[in-house]
PDB file of N, CA and C in Angstrom:
ATOM      1  N   MET A   1       0.845  -1.184   0.000  1.00  0.00           N
ATOM      2  CA  MET A   1       0.000   0.000   0.000  1.00  0.00           C
ATOM      3  C   MET A   1       0.884   1.239   0.000  1.00  0.00           C
ATOM      4  N   THR A   2       0.692   2.137  -0.938  1.00  0.00           N
ATOM      5  CA  THR A   2       1.413   3.390  -0.972  1.00  0.00           C
ATOM      6  C   THR A   2       0.688   4.392  -0.098  1.00  0.00           C
ATOM      7  N   SER A   3       1.407   4.938   0.862  1.00  0.00           N
ATOM      8  CA  SER A   3       0.795   5.847   1.822  1.00  0.00           C
ATOM      9  C   SER A   3       0.579   7.226   1.221  1.00  0.00           C
ATOM     10  N   LYS A   4      -0.507   7.817   1.612  1.00  0.00           N
ATOM     11  CA  LYS A   4      -0.786   9.199   1.239  1.00  0.00           C
ATOM     12  C   LYS A   4      -0.215  10.143   2.286  1.00  0.00           C
ATOM     13  N   ILE A   5       0.372   9.580   3.337  1.00  0.00           N
ATOM     14  CA  ILE A   5       0.932  10.396   4.411  1.00  0.00           C
ATOM     15  C   ILE A   5       2.381  10.727   4.092  1.00  0.00           C
ATOM     16  N   ASN A   6       2.689  12.022   4.052  1.00  0.00           N
ATOM     17  CA  ASN A   6       4.055  12.473   3.797  1.00  0.00           C
ATOM     18  C   ASN A   6       4.876  12.575   5.068  1.00  0.00           C
ATOM     19  N   GLU A   7       4.187  12.833   6.182  1.00  0.00           N
ATOM     20  CA  GLU A   7       4.886  12.941   7.454  1.00  0.00           C
ATOM     21  C   GLU A   7       3.931  12.569   8.576  1.00  0.00           C
ATOM     22  N   LEU A   8       4.481  11.940   9.599  1.00  0.00           N
ATOM     23  CA  LEU A   8       3.696  11.564  10.766  1.00  0.00           C
ATOM     24  C   LEU A   8       4.505  11.876  12.006  1.00  0.00           C
ATOM     25  N   TRP A   9       3.883  12.614  12.911  1.00  0.00           N
ATOM     26  CA  TRP A   9       4.480  12.898  14.211  1.00  0.00           C
ATOM     27  C   TRP A   9       3.700  12.119  15.256  1.00  0.00           C
ATOM     28  N   ILE A  10       4.412  11.514  16.157  1.00  0.00           N
ATOM     29  CA  ILE A  10       3.814  10.910  17.334  1.00  0.00           C
ATOM     30  C   ILE A  10       4.499  11.590  18.508  1.00  0.00           C
ATOM     31  N   PHE A  11       3.700  12.295  19.310  1.00  0.00           N
ATOM     32  CA  PHE A  11       4.313  13.024  20.411  1.00  0.00           C
ATOM     33  C   PHE A  11       3.452  12.999  21.657  1.00  0.00           C
ATOM     34  N   SER A  12       4.105  13.266  22.769  1.00  0.00           N
ATOM     35  CA  SER A  12       3.418  13.270  24.053  1.00  0.00           C
ATOM     36  C   SER A  12       2.516  14.490  24.142  1.00  0.00           C
ATOM     37  N   LYS A  13       1.601  14.476  25.105  1.00  0.00           N
ATOM     38  CA  LYS A  13       0.691  15.606  25.227  1.00  0.00           C
ATOM     39  C   LYS A  13       1.432  16.873  25.635  1.00  0.00           C
ATOM     40  N   SER A  14       2.665  16.741  26.110  1.00  0.00           N
ATOM     41  CA  SER A  14       3.470  17.920  26.427  1.00  0.00           C
ATOM     42  C   SER A  14       4.236  18.437  25.207  1.00  0.00           C
ATOM     43  N   GLY A  15       4.163  17.700  24.087  1.00  0.00           N
ATOM     44  CA  GLY A  15       4.782  18.153  22.844  1.00  0.00           C
ATOM     45  C   GLY A  15       6.135  17.563  22.543  1.00  0.00           C
ATOM     46  N   VAL A  16       6.582  16.588  23.318  1.00  0.00           N
ATOM     47  CA  VAL A  16       7.874  15.947  23.071  1.00  0.00           C
ATOM     48  C   VAL A  16       7.699  14.876  21.996  1.00  0.00           C
ATOM     49  N   THR A  17       8.476  14.992  20.930  1.00  0.00           N
ATOM     50  CA  THR A  17       8.382  14.035  19.822  1.00  0.00           C
ATOM     51  C   THR A  17       8.901  12.674  20.260  1.00  0.00           C
ATOM     52  N   LEU A  18       8.062  11.657  20.086  1.00  0.00           N
ATOM     53  CA  LEU A  18       8.442  10.282  20.391  1.00  0.00           C
ATOM     54  C   LEU A  18       8.951   9.594  19.122  1.00  0.00           C
ATOM     55  N   VAL A  19       8.224   9.787  18.032  1.00  0.00           N
ATOM     56  CA  VAL A  19       8.573   9.198  16.736  1.00  0.00           C
ATOM     57  C   VAL A  19       8.193  10.198  15.656  1.00  0.00           C
ATOM     58  N   ASN A  20       9.056  10.312  14.653  1.00  0.00           N
ATOM     59  CA  ASN A  20       8.753  11.150  13.503  1.00  0.00           C
ATOM     60  C   ASN A  20       9.105  10.377  12.249  1.00  0.00           C
ATOM     61  N   TYR A  21       8.140  10.258  11.339  1.00  0.00           N
ATOM     62  CA  TYR A  21       8.352   9.602  10.050  1.00  0.00           C
ATOM     63  C   TYR A  21       8.138  10.657   8.982  1.00  0.00           C
ATOM     64  N   LYS A  22       9.035  10.745   8.037  1.00  0.00           N
ATOM     65  CA  LYS A  22       8.811  11.671   6.925  1.00  0.00           C
ATOM     66  C   LYS A  22       9.427  11.160   5.647  1.00  0.00           C
ATOM     67  N   LYS A  23       8.685  11.391   4.572  1.00  0.00           N
ATOM     68  CA  LYS A  23       9.171  11.014   3.247  1.00  0.00           C
ATOM     69  C   LYS A  23      10.229  11.994   2.765  1.00  0.00           C
ATOM     70  N   ASP A  24      10.062  13.279   3.109  1.00  0.00           N
ATOM     71  CA  ASP A  24      10.976  14.332   2.672  1.00  0.00           C
ATOM     72  C   ASP A  24      11.859  14.749   3.840  1.00  0.00           C
ATOM     73  N   PRO A  25      13.089  14.211   3.914  1.00  0.00           N
ATOM     74  CA  PRO A  25      13.931  14.524   5.059  1.00  0.00           C
ATOM     75  C   PRO A  25      14.373  15.991   5.106  1.00  0.00           C
ATOM     76  N   GLY A  26      14.182  16.736   4.041  1.00  0.00           N
ATOM     77  CA  GLY A  26      14.597  18.128   4.010  1.00  0.00           C
ATOM     78  C   GLY A  26      13.667  19.082   4.744  1.00  0.00           C
ATOM     79  N   LEU A  27      12.420  18.702   4.929  1.00  0.00           N
ATOM     80  CA  LEU A  27      11.438  19.557   5.586  1.00  0.00           C
ATOM     81  C   LEU A  27      11.651  19.537   7.088  1.00  0.00           C
ATOM     82  N   LYS A  28      11.795  20.719   7.696  1.00  0.00           N
ATOM     83  CA  LYS A  28      12.056  20.807   9.128  1.00  0.00           C
ATOM     84  C   LYS A  28      10.923  21.553   9.809  1.00  0.00           C
ATOM     85  N   LEU A  29      10.210  20.833  10.667  1.00  0.00           N
ATOM     86  CA  LEU A  29       9.121  21.419  11.438  1.00  0.00           C
ATOM     87  C   LEU A  29       9.296  21.041  12.909  1.00  0.00           C
ATOM     88  N   SER A  30      10.450  21.350  13.489  1.00  0.00           N
ATOM     89  CA  SER A  30      10.752  20.904  14.848  1.00  0.00           C
ATOM     90  C   SER A  30       9.884  21.563  15.912  1.00  0.00           C
ATOM     91  N   LEU A  31       9.346  22.733  15.648  1.00  0.00           N
ATOM     92  CA  LEU A  31       8.491  23.401  16.627  1.00  0.00           C
ATOM     93  C   LEU A  31       7.033  22.987  16.494  1.00  0.00           C
ATOM     94  N   PHE A  32       6.735  22.198  15.493  1.00  0.00           N
ATOM     95  CA  PHE A  32       5.357  21.805  15.246  1.00  0.00           C
ATOM     96  C   PHE A  32       4.743  20.960  16.373  1.00  0.00           C
ATOM     97  N   PRO A  33       5.416  19.901  16.864  1.00  0.00           N
ATOM     98  CA  PRO A  33       4.801  19.103  17.937  1.00  0.00           C
ATOM     99  C   PRO A  33       4.450  19.904  19.198  1.00  0.00           C
ATOM    100  N   PRO A  34       5.346  20.753  19.728  1.00  0.00           N
ATOM    101  CA  PRO A  34       4.940  21.526  20.908  1.00  0.00           C
ATOM    102  C   PRO A  34       3.763  22.466  20.618  1.00  0.00           C
ATOM    103  N   PHE A  35       3.744  23.043  19.424  1.00  0.00           N
ATOM    104  CA  PHE A  35       2.641  23.924  19.039  1.00  0.00           C
ATOM    105  C   PHE A  35       1.328  23.147  19.012  1.00  0.00           C
ATOM    106  N   MET A  36       1.335  21.987  18.365  1.00  0.00           N
ATOM    107  CA  MET A  36       0.111  21.180  18.270  1.00  0.00           C
ATOM    108  C   MET A  36      -0.344  20.694  19.640  1.00  0.00           C
ATOM    109  N   ALA A  37       0.594  20.313  20.482  1.00  0.00           N
ATOM    110  CA  ALA A  37       0.237  19.869  21.831  1.00  0.00           C
ATOM    111  C   ALA A  37      -0.441  20.996  22.596  1.00  0.00           C
ATOM    112  N   ALA A  38       0.085  22.217  22.453  1.00  0.00           N
ATOM    113  CA  ALA A  38      -0.516  23.364  23.140  1.00  0.00           C
ATOM    114  C   ALA A  38      -1.918  23.651  22.609  1.00  0.00           C
ATOM    115  N   VAL A  39      -2.088  23.603  21.302  1.00  0.00           N
ATOM    116  CA  VAL A  39      -3.409  23.838  20.704  1.00  0.00           C
ATOM    117  C   VAL A  39      -4.400  22.776  21.174  1.00  0.00           C
ATOM    118  N   GLN A  40      -4.002  21.517  21.140  1.00  0.00           N
ATOM    119  CA  GLN A  40      -4.903  20.437  21.561  1.00  0.00           C
ATOM    120  C   GLN A  40      -5.280  20.580  23.045  1.00  0.00           C
ATOM    121  N   THR A  41      -4.318  20.911  23.874  1.00  0.00           N
ATOM    122  CA  THR A  41      -4.592  21.086  25.306  1.00  0.00           C
ATOM    123  C   THR A  41      -5.539  22.249  25.537  1.00  0.00           C
ATOM    124  N   MET A  42      -5.282  23.359  24.862  1.00  0.00           N
ATOM    125  CA  MET A  42      -6.136  24.538  25.007  1.00  0.00           C
ATOM    126  C   MET A  42      -7.574  24.224  24.577  1.00  0.00           C
ATOM    127  N   LEU A  43      -7.730  23.570  23.428  1.00  0.00           N
ATOM    128  CA  LEU A  43      -9.067  23.209  22.949  1.00  0.00           C
ATOM    129  C   LEU A  43      -9.762  22.239  23.896  1.00  0.00           C
ATOM    130  N   LYS A  44      -9.040  21.247  24.362  1.00  0.00           N
ATOM    131  CA  LYS A  44      -9.628  20.239  25.252  1.00  0.00           C
ATOM    132  C   LYS A  44     -10.100  20.886  26.557  1.00  0.00           C
ATOM    133  N   GLU A  45      -9.288  21.788  27.109  1.00  0.00           N
ATOM    134  CA  GLU A  45      -9.644  22.423  28.379  1.00  0.00           C
ATOM    135  C   GLU A  45     -10.747  23.463  28.230  1.00  0.00           C
ATOM    136  N   SER A  46     -10.784  24.169  27.117  1.00  0.00           N
ATOM    137  CA  SER A  46     -11.773  25.243  26.966  1.00  0.00           C
ATOM    138  C   SER A  46     -13.092  24.787  26.346  1.00  0.00           C
ATOM    139  N   THR A  47     -13.059  23.763  25.484  1.00  0.00           N
ATOM    140  CA  THR A  47     -14.282  23.342  24.794  1.00  0.00           C
ATOM    141  C   THR A  47     -14.604  21.861  24.983  1.00  0.00           C
ATOM    142  N   ASN A  48     -13.692  21.132  25.601  1.00  0.00           N
ATOM    143  CA  ASN A  48     -13.803  19.689  25.763  1.00  0.00           C
ATOM    144  C   ASN A  48     -13.832  18.966  24.412  1.00  0.00           C
ATOM    145  N   LYS A  49     -13.244  19.582  23.403  1.00  0.00           N
ATOM    146  CA  LYS A  49     -13.120  18.987  22.069  1.00  0.00           C
ATOM    147  C   LYS A  49     -11.662  19.068  21.645  1.00  0.00           C
ATOM    148  N   THR A  50     -11.321  18.345  20.592  1.00  0.00           N
ATOM    149  CA  THR A  50      -9.962  18.393  20.059  1.00  0.00           C
ATOM    150  C   THR A  50      -9.992  18.708  18.569  1.00  0.00           C
ATOM    151  N   LEU A  51      -8.882  19.197  18.082  1.00  0.00           N
ATOM    152  CA  LEU A  51      -8.740  19.501  16.666  1.00  0.00           C
ATOM    153  C   LEU A  51      -8.589  18.189  15.902  1.00  0.00           C
ATOM    154  N   GLU A  52      -9.402  18.001  14.869  1.00  0.00           N
ATOM    155  CA  GLU A  52      -9.332  16.773  14.079  1.00  0.00           C
ATOM    156  C   GLU A  52      -8.506  16.949  12.812  1.00  0.00           C
ATOM    157  N   SER A  53      -8.625  18.112  12.176  1.00  0.00           N
ATOM    158  CA  SER A  53      -7.820  18.353  10.977  1.00  0.00           C
ATOM    159  C   SER A  53      -7.823  19.836  10.646  1.00  0.00           C
ATOM    160  N   PHE A  54      -6.831  20.225   9.861  1.00  0.00           N
ATOM    161  CA  PHE A  54      -6.763  21.589   9.352  1.00  0.00           C
ATOM    162  C   PHE A  54      -5.878  21.578   8.112  1.00  0.00           C
ATOM    163  N   SER A  55      -5.996  22.618   7.304  1.00  0.00           N
ATOM    164  CA  SER A  55      -5.222  22.730   6.069  1.00  0.00           C
ATOM    165  C   SER A  55      -4.336  23.966   6.119  1.00  0.00           C
ATOM    166  N   MET A  56      -3.164  23.823   5.534  1.00  0.00           N
ATOM    167  CA  MET A  56      -2.226  24.912   5.424  1.00  0.00           C
ATOM    168  C   MET A  56      -1.483  24.749   4.098  1.00  0.00           C
ATOM    169  N   SER A  57      -1.564  25.762   3.269  1.00  0.00           N
ATOM    170  CA  SER A  57      -0.929  25.723   1.957  1.00  0.00           C
ATOM    171  C   SER A  57      -1.466  24.516   1.177  1.00  0.00           C
ATOM    172  N   ASN A  58      -0.593  23.629   0.724  1.00  0.00           N
ATOM    173  CA  ASN A  58      -1.014  22.443  -0.034  1.00  0.00           C
ATOM    174  C   ASN A  58      -1.056  21.191   0.833  1.00  0.00           C
ATOM    175  N   ASN A  59      -1.100  21.377   2.142  1.00  0.00           N
ATOM    176  CA  ASN A  59      -1.046  20.251   3.074  1.00  0.00           C
ATOM    177  C   ASN A  59      -2.297  20.164   3.928  1.00  0.00           C
ATOM    178  N   LYS A  60      -2.653  18.923   4.234  1.00  0.00           N
ATOM    179  CA  LYS A  60      -3.742  18.649   5.165  1.00  0.00           C
ATOM    180  C   LYS A  60      -3.111  17.977   6.385  1.00  0.00           C
ATOM    181  N   PHE A  61      -3.440  18.475   7.561  1.00  0.00           N
ATOM    182  CA  PHE A  61      -2.949  17.901   8.808  1.00  0.00           C
ATOM    183  C   PHE A  61      -4.122  17.218   9.499  1.00  0.00           C
ATOM    184  N   THR A  62      -3.934  15.964   9.859  1.00  0.00           N
ATOM    185  CA  THR A  62      -4.989  15.177  10.495  1.00  0.00           C
ATOM    186  C   THR A  62      -4.488  14.737  11.858  1.00  0.00           C
ATOM    187  N   CYS A  63      -5.344  14.906  12.868  1.00  0.00           N
ATOM    188  CA  CYS A  63      -4.944  14.658  14.255  1.00  0.00           C
ATOM    189  C   CYS A  63      -5.768  13.545  14.877  1.00  0.00           C
ATOM    190  N   ASN A  64      -5.128  12.812  15.767  1.00  0.00           N
ATOM    191  CA  ASN A  64      -5.796  11.755  16.509  1.00  0.00           C
ATOM    192  C   ASN A  64      -5.041  11.584  17.820  1.00  0.00           C
ATOM    193  N   SER A  65      -5.722  11.188  18.862  1.00  0.00           N
ATOM    194  CA  SER A  65      -5.027  10.933  20.126  1.00  0.00           C
ATOM    195  C   SER A  65      -5.262   9.492  20.545  1.00  0.00           C
ATOM    196  N   CYS A  66      -4.405   9.008  21.428  1.00  0.00           N
ATOM    197  CA  CYS A  66      -4.545   7.647  21.926  1.00  0.00           C
ATOM    198  C   CYS A  66      -3.890   7.531  23.288  1.00  0.00           C
ATOM    199  N   LEU A  67      -3.955   6.342  23.835  1.00  0.00           N
ATOM    200  CA  LEU A  67      -3.404   6.068  25.156  1.00  0.00           C
ATOM    201  C   LEU A  67      -3.901   7.086  26.180  1.00  0.00           C
ATOM    202  N   ASP A  68      -5.217   7.181  26.276  1.00  0.00           N
ATOM    203  CA  ASP A  68      -5.873   8.083  27.234  1.00  0.00           C
ATOM    204  C   ASP A  68      -5.439   9.541  27.047  1.00  0.00           C
ATOM    205  N   HIS A  69      -5.308   9.953  25.808  1.00  0.00           N
ATOM    206  CA  HIS A  69      -4.923  11.317  25.432  1.00  0.00           C
ATOM    207  C   HIS A  69      -3.506  11.683  25.878  1.00  0.00           C
ATOM    208  N   ASN A  70      -2.664  10.695  26.126  1.00  0.00           N
ATOM    209  CA  ASN A  70      -1.269  10.944  26.487  1.00  0.00           C
ATOM    210  C   ASN A  70      -0.374  11.036  25.266  1.00  0.00           C
ATOM    211  N   VAL A  71      -0.891  10.586  24.122  1.00  0.00           N
ATOM    212  CA  VAL A  71      -0.119  10.605  22.882  1.00  0.00           C
ATOM    213  C   VAL A  71      -0.974  11.205  21.783  1.00  0.00           C
ATOM    214  N   LEU A  72      -0.349  12.069  20.988  1.00  0.00           N
ATOM    215  CA  LEU A  72      -1.023  12.671  19.833  1.00  0.00           C
ATOM    216  C   LEU A  72      -0.364  12.176  18.557  1.00  0.00           C
ATOM    217  N   LEU A  73      -1.206  11.853  17.576  1.00  0.00           N
ATOM    218  CA  LEU A  73      -0.742  11.478  16.246  1.00  0.00           C
ATOM    219  C   LEU A  73      -1.165  12.591  15.306  1.00  0.00           C
ATOM    220  N   VAL A  74      -0.232  13.119  14.549  1.00  0.00           N
ATOM    221  CA  VAL A  74      -0.562  14.154  13.576  1.00  0.00           C
ATOM    222  C   VAL A  74       0.121  13.795  12.266  1.00  0.00           C
ATOM    223  N   SER A  75      -0.675  13.714  11.198  1.00  0.00           N
ATOM    224  CA  SER A  75      -0.119  13.393   9.884  1.00  0.00           C
ATOM    225  C   SER A  75      -0.206  14.610   8.979  1.00  0.00           C
ATOM    226  N   ARG A  76       0.730  14.654   8.032  1.00  0.00           N
ATOM    227  CA  ARG A  76       0.707  15.671   6.980  1.00  0.00           C
ATOM    228  C   ARG A  76       0.576  14.931   5.669  1.00  0.00           C
ATOM    229  N   SER A  77      -0.432  15.309   4.898  1.00  0.00           N
ATOM    230  CA  SER A  77      -0.676  14.660   3.614  1.00  0.00           C
ATOM    231  C   SER A  77      -1.043  15.719   2.582  1.00  0.00           C
ATOM    232  N   PRO A  78      -1.052  15.337   1.298  1.00  0.00           N
ATOM    233  CA  PRO A  78      -1.477  16.296   0.270  1.00  0.00           C
ATOM    234  C   PRO A  78      -2.919  16.727   0.521  1.00  0.00           C
ATOM    235  N   ILE A  79      -3.215  17.953   0.218  1.00  0.00           N
ATOM    236  CA  ILE A  79      -4.542  18.523   0.477  1.00  0.00           C
ATOM    237  C   ILE A  79      -5.654  17.703  -0.172  1.00  0.00           C
ATOM    238  N   LYS A  80      -5.353  17.038  -1.287  1.00  0.00           N
ATOM    239  CA  LYS A  80      -6.378  16.280  -2.001  1.00  0.00           C
ATOM    240  C   LYS A  80      -6.494  14.827  -1.553  1.00  0.00           C
ATOM    241  N   ALA A  81      -5.691  14.423  -0.563  1.00  0.00           N
ATOM    242  CA  ALA A  81      -5.778  13.044  -0.064  1.00  0.00           C
ATOM    243  C   ALA A  81      -7.156  12.817   0.558  1.00  0.00           C
ATOM    244  N   LYS A  82      -7.671  11.644   0.374  1.00  0.00           N
ATOM    245  CA  LYS A  82      -9.001  11.291   0.890  1.00  0.00           C
ATOM    246  C   LYS A  82      -8.944  11.117   2.408  1.00  0.00           C
ATOM    247  N   ASP A  83      -9.838  11.817   3.112  1.00  0.00           N
ATOM    248  CA  ASP A  83      -9.884  11.748   4.572  1.00  0.00           C
ATOM    249  C   ASP A  83     -10.034  10.323   5.073  1.00  0.00           C
ATOM    250  N   LYS A  84     -10.900   9.562   4.451  1.00  0.00           N
ATOM    251  CA  LYS A  84     -11.175   8.197   4.889  1.00  0.00           C
ATOM    252  C   LYS A  84      -9.894   7.354   4.896  1.00  0.00           C
ATOM    253  N   LYS A  85      -9.067   7.501   3.864  1.00  0.00           N
ATOM    254  CA  LYS A  85      -7.825   6.736   3.782  1.00  0.00           C
ATOM    255  C   LYS A  85      -6.840   7.176   4.859  1.00  0.00           C
ATOM    256  N   ILE A  86      -6.748   8.471   5.083  1.00  0.00           N
ATOM    257  CA  ILE A  86      -5.827   8.999   6.096  1.00  0.00           C
ATOM    258  C   ILE A  86      -6.254   8.520   7.482  1.00  0.00           C
ATOM    259  N   TYR A  87      -7.549   8.622   7.784  1.00  0.00           N
ATOM    260  CA  TYR A  87      -8.045   8.172   9.092  1.00  0.00           C
ATOM    261  C   TYR A  87      -7.829   6.672   9.281  1.00  0.00           C
ATOM    262  N   LYS A  88      -7.940   5.893   8.238  1.00  0.00           N
ATOM    263  CA  LYS A  88      -7.717   4.450   8.312  1.00  0.00           C
ATOM    264  C   LYS A  88      -6.253   4.161   8.662  1.00  0.00           C
ATOM    265  N   ILE A  89      -5.340   4.864   8.012  1.00  0.00           N
ATOM    266  CA  ILE A  89      -3.913   4.679   8.297  1.00  0.00           C
ATOM    267  C   ILE A  89      -3.614   5.088   9.741  1.00  0.00           C
ATOM    268  N   LEU A  90      -4.140   6.234  10.156  1.00  0.00           N
ATOM    269  CA  LEU A  90      -3.916   6.690  11.530  1.00  0.00           C
ATOM    270  C   LEU A  90      -4.516   5.725  12.544  1.00  0.00           C
ATOM    271  N   ASP A  91      -5.651   5.154  12.214  1.00  0.00           N
ATOM    272  CA  ASP A  91      -6.267   4.192  13.119  1.00  0.00           C
ATOM    273  C   ASP A  91      -5.388   2.943  13.253  1.00  0.00           C
ATOM    274  N   ASN A  92      -4.806   2.491  12.161  1.00  0.00           N
ATOM    275  CA  ASN A  92      -3.894   1.344  12.214  1.00  0.00           C
ATOM    276  C   ASN A  92      -2.657   1.670  13.061  1.00  0.00           C
ATOM    277  N   VAL A  93      -2.148   2.879  12.923  1.00  0.00           N
ATOM    278  CA  VAL A  93      -1.006   3.311  13.738  1.00  0.00           C
ATOM    279  C   VAL A  93      -1.407   3.351  15.213  1.00  0.00           C
ATOM    280  N   ARG A  94      -2.580   3.889  15.492  1.00  0.00           N
ATOM    281  CA  ARG A  94      -3.079   3.975  16.874  1.00  0.00           C
ATOM    282  C   ARG A  94      -3.196   2.581  17.486  1.00  0.00           C
ATOM    283  N   ILE A  95      -3.766   1.645  16.744  1.00  0.00           N
ATOM    284  CA  ILE A  95      -3.927   0.274  17.245  1.00  0.00           C
ATOM    285  C   ILE A  95      -2.562  -0.346  17.550  1.00  0.00           C
ATOM    286  N   GLU A  96      -1.620  -0.178  16.646  1.00  0.00           N
ATOM    287  CA  GLU A  96      -0.284  -0.739  16.854  1.00  0.00           C
ATOM    288  C   GLU A  96       0.405  -0.085  18.058  1.00  0.00           C
ATOM    289  N   LEU A  97       0.237   1.221  18.194  1.00  0.00           N
ATOM    290  CA  LEU A  97       0.827   1.952  19.323  1.00  0.00           C
ATOM    291  C   LEU A  97       0.237   1.466  20.642  1.00  0.00           C
ATOM    292  N   GLU A  98      -1.090   1.309  20.676  1.00  0.00           N
ATOM    293  CA  GLU A  98      -1.751   0.870  21.902  1.00  0.00           C
ATOM    294  C   GLU A  98      -1.496  -0.600  22.203  1.00  0.00           C
ATOM    295  N   THR A  99      -1.119  -1.377  21.202  1.00  0.00           N
ATOM    296  CA  THR A  99      -0.737  -2.769  21.416  1.00  0.00           C
ATOM    297  C   THR A  99       0.681  -2.846  21.974  1.00  0.00           C
ATOM    298  N   THR A 100       1.523  -1.917  21.571  1.00  0.00           N
ATOM    299  CA  THR A 100       2.937  -1.928  21.947  1.00  0.00           C
ATOM    300  C   THR A 100       3.204  -1.229  23.285  1.00  0.00           C
ATOM    301  N   PHE A 101       2.491  -0.129  23.548  1.00  0.00           N
ATOM    302  CA  PHE A 101       2.745   0.682  24.740  1.00  0.00           C
ATOM    303  C   PHE A 101       1.464   0.890  25.540  1.00  0.00           C
ATOM    304  N   THR A 102       1.629   1.232  26.806  1.00  0.00           N
ATOM    305  CA  THR A 102       0.505   1.623  27.658  1.00  0.00           C
ATOM    306  C   THR A 102       0.633   3.112  27.980  1.00  0.00           C
ATOM    307  N   ALA A 103      -0.413   3.688  28.515  1.00  0.00           N
ATOM    308  CA  ALA A 103      -0.358   5.095  28.935  1.00  0.00           C
ATOM    309  C   ALA A 103       0.738   5.276  29.983  1.00  0.00           C
ATOM    310  N   ASP A 104       0.892   4.312  30.879  1.00  0.00           N
ATOM    311  CA  ASP A 104       1.939   4.399  31.902  1.00  0.00           C
ATOM    312  C   ASP A 104       3.336   4.349  31.288  1.00  0.00           C
ATOM    313  N   ASP A 105       3.508   3.585  30.206  1.00  0.00           N
ATOM    314  CA  ASP A 105       4.797   3.562  29.514  1.00  0.00           C
ATOM    315  C   ASP A 105       5.185   4.970  29.075  1.00  0.00           C
ATOM    316  N   ILE A 106       4.232   5.709  28.545  1.00  0.00           N
ATOM    317  CA  ILE A 106       4.494   7.061  28.052  1.00  0.00           C
ATOM    318  C   ILE A 106       4.716   8.013  29.221  1.00  0.00           C
ATOM    319  N   LYS A 107       3.878   7.923  30.239  1.00  0.00           N
ATOM    320  CA  LYS A 107       4.015   8.803  31.410  1.00  0.00           C
ATOM    321  C   LYS A 107       5.354   8.604  32.115  1.00  0.00           C
ATOM    322  N   ASN A 108       5.841   7.366  32.155  1.00  0.00           N
ATOM    323  CA  ASN A 108       7.074   7.048  32.873  1.00  0.00           C
ATOM    324  C   ASN A 108       8.304   7.008  31.972  1.00  0.00           C
ATOM    325  N   TRP A 109       8.149   7.370  30.723  1.00  0.00           N
ATOM    326  CA  TRP A 109       9.247   7.338  29.755  1.00  0.00           C
ATOM    327  C   TRP A 109      10.375   8.245  30.227  1.00  0.00           C
ATOM    328  N   ASP A 110      11.609   7.773  30.125  1.00  0.00           N
ATOM    329  CA  ASP A 110      12.768   8.510  30.633  1.00  0.00           C
ATOM    330  C   ASP A 110      13.378   9.488  29.640  1.00  0.00           C
ATOM    331  N   GLY A 111      12.803   9.620  28.454  1.00  0.00           N
ATOM    332  CA  GLY A 111      13.320  10.574  27.471  1.00  0.00           C
ATOM    333  C   GLY A 111      14.265   9.971  26.446  1.00  0.00           C
ATOM    334  N   ASN A 112      14.617   8.713  26.594  1.00  0.00           N
ATOM    335  CA  ASN A 112      15.518   8.056  25.665  1.00  0.00           C
ATOM    336  C   ASN A 112      14.731   7.608  24.437  1.00  0.00           C
ATOM    337  N   LEU A 113      15.023   8.219  23.284  1.00  0.00           N
ATOM    338  CA  LEU A 113      14.282   7.911  22.056  1.00  0.00           C
ATOM    339  C   LEU A 113      14.512   6.491  21.556  1.00  0.00           C
ATOM    340  N   ALA A 114      15.567   5.835  22.009  1.00  0.00           N
ATOM    341  CA  ALA A 114      15.817   4.450  21.612  1.00  0.00           C
ATOM    342  C   ALA A 114      14.668   3.538  22.050  1.00  0.00           C
ATOM    343  N   TYR A 115      13.922   3.964  23.053  1.00  0.00           N
ATOM    344  CA  TYR A 115      12.775   3.215  23.550  1.00  0.00           C
ATOM    345  C   TYR A 115      11.740   2.984  22.443  1.00  0.00           C
ATOM    346  N   PHE A 116      11.668   3.912  21.477  1.00  0.00           N
ATOM    347  CA  PHE A 116      10.676   3.836  20.405  1.00  0.00           C
ATOM    348  C   PHE A 116      11.255   3.343  19.082  1.00  0.00           C
ATOM    349  N   LYS A 117      12.519   2.950  19.077  1.00  0.00           N
ATOM    350  CA  LYS A 117      13.185   2.544  17.833  1.00  0.00           C
ATOM    351  C   LYS A 117      12.479   1.370  17.152  1.00  0.00           C
ATOM    352  N   LYS A 118      12.137   0.348  17.922  1.00  0.00           N
ATOM    353  CA  LYS A 118      11.466  -0.824  17.343  1.00  0.00           C
ATOM    354  C   LYS A 118      10.103  -0.430  16.763  1.00  0.00           C
ATOM    355  N   PHE A 119       9.380   0.432  17.488  1.00  0.00           N
ATOM    356  CA  PHE A 119       8.077   0.866  16.980  1.00  0.00           C
ATOM    357  C   PHE A 119       8.235   1.660  15.684  1.00  0.00           C
ATOM    358  N   LYS A 120       9.274   2.472  15.605  1.00  0.00           N
ATOM    359  CA  LYS A 120       9.506   3.255  14.384  1.00  0.00           C
ATOM    360  C   LYS A 120       9.722   2.329  13.192  1.00  0.00           C
ATOM    361  N   GLU A 121      10.390   1.216  13.410  1.00  0.00           N
ATOM    362  CA  GLU A 121      10.560   0.229  12.351  1.00  0.00           C
ATOM    363  C   GLU A 121       9.219  -0.390  11.953  1.00  0.00           C
ATOM    364  N   GLN A 122       8.372  -0.685  12.942  1.00  0.00           N
ATOM    365  CA  GLN A 122       7.039  -1.238  12.665  1.00  0.00           C
ATOM    366  C   GLN A 122       6.201  -0.231  11.868  1.00  0.00           C
ATOM    367  N   LEU A 123       6.411   1.027  12.149  1.00  0.00           N
ATOM    368  CA  LEU A 123       5.648   2.091  11.505  1.00  0.00           C
ATOM    369  C   LEU A 123       5.838   2.090   9.995  1.00  0.00           C
ATOM    370  N   LYS A 124       7.008   1.753   9.546  1.00  0.00           N
ATOM    371  CA  LYS A 124       7.285   1.715   8.099  1.00  0.00           C
ATOM    372  C   LYS A 124       6.344   0.760   7.380  1.00  0.00           C
ATOM    373  N   ASN A 125       5.954  -0.320   8.041  1.00  0.00           N
ATOM    374  CA  ASN A 125       5.031  -1.281   7.440  1.00  0.00           C
ATOM    375  C   ASN A 125       3.593  -0.752   7.407  1.00  0.00           C
ATOM    376  N   LEU A 126       3.264   0.148   8.314  1.00  0.00           N
ATOM    377  CA  LEU A 126       1.914   0.694   8.371  1.00  0.00           C
ATOM    378  C   LEU A 126       1.719   1.867   7.411  1.00  0.00           C
ATOM    379  N   LEU A 127       2.803   2.522   7.078  1.00  0.00           N
ATOM    380  CA  LEU A 127       2.711   3.687   6.208  1.00  0.00           C
ATOM    381  C   LEU A 127       3.137   3.337   4.804  1.00  0.00           C
TER     382      LEU A 127
END
């Protein structure tokens, strides 16, 4: 399956990147995860809702949370990508993440990115 996702961030609710997958290694959006985490937290606290998707330039960003809202998944895809396909891919990633880790694993994570290395390899098969 050829993925319509050009980039996928998996980060903690505090905005720390756990895993980042990207087709274009030249694109640098290092401040994006903390920004998205802040937006999601603000929306959740003020409206009890979360951001599901938004568009910027020629890109569509799709958001999903898992592990009791301790982890956020955000994908970047072409603006014309079908929502249903993107949500299906994100759902498969969410299922694999929740099979591999628990909310406590994320809460107690020591900051060593090597902890997610095996999952990052699994991610290549999902995308």
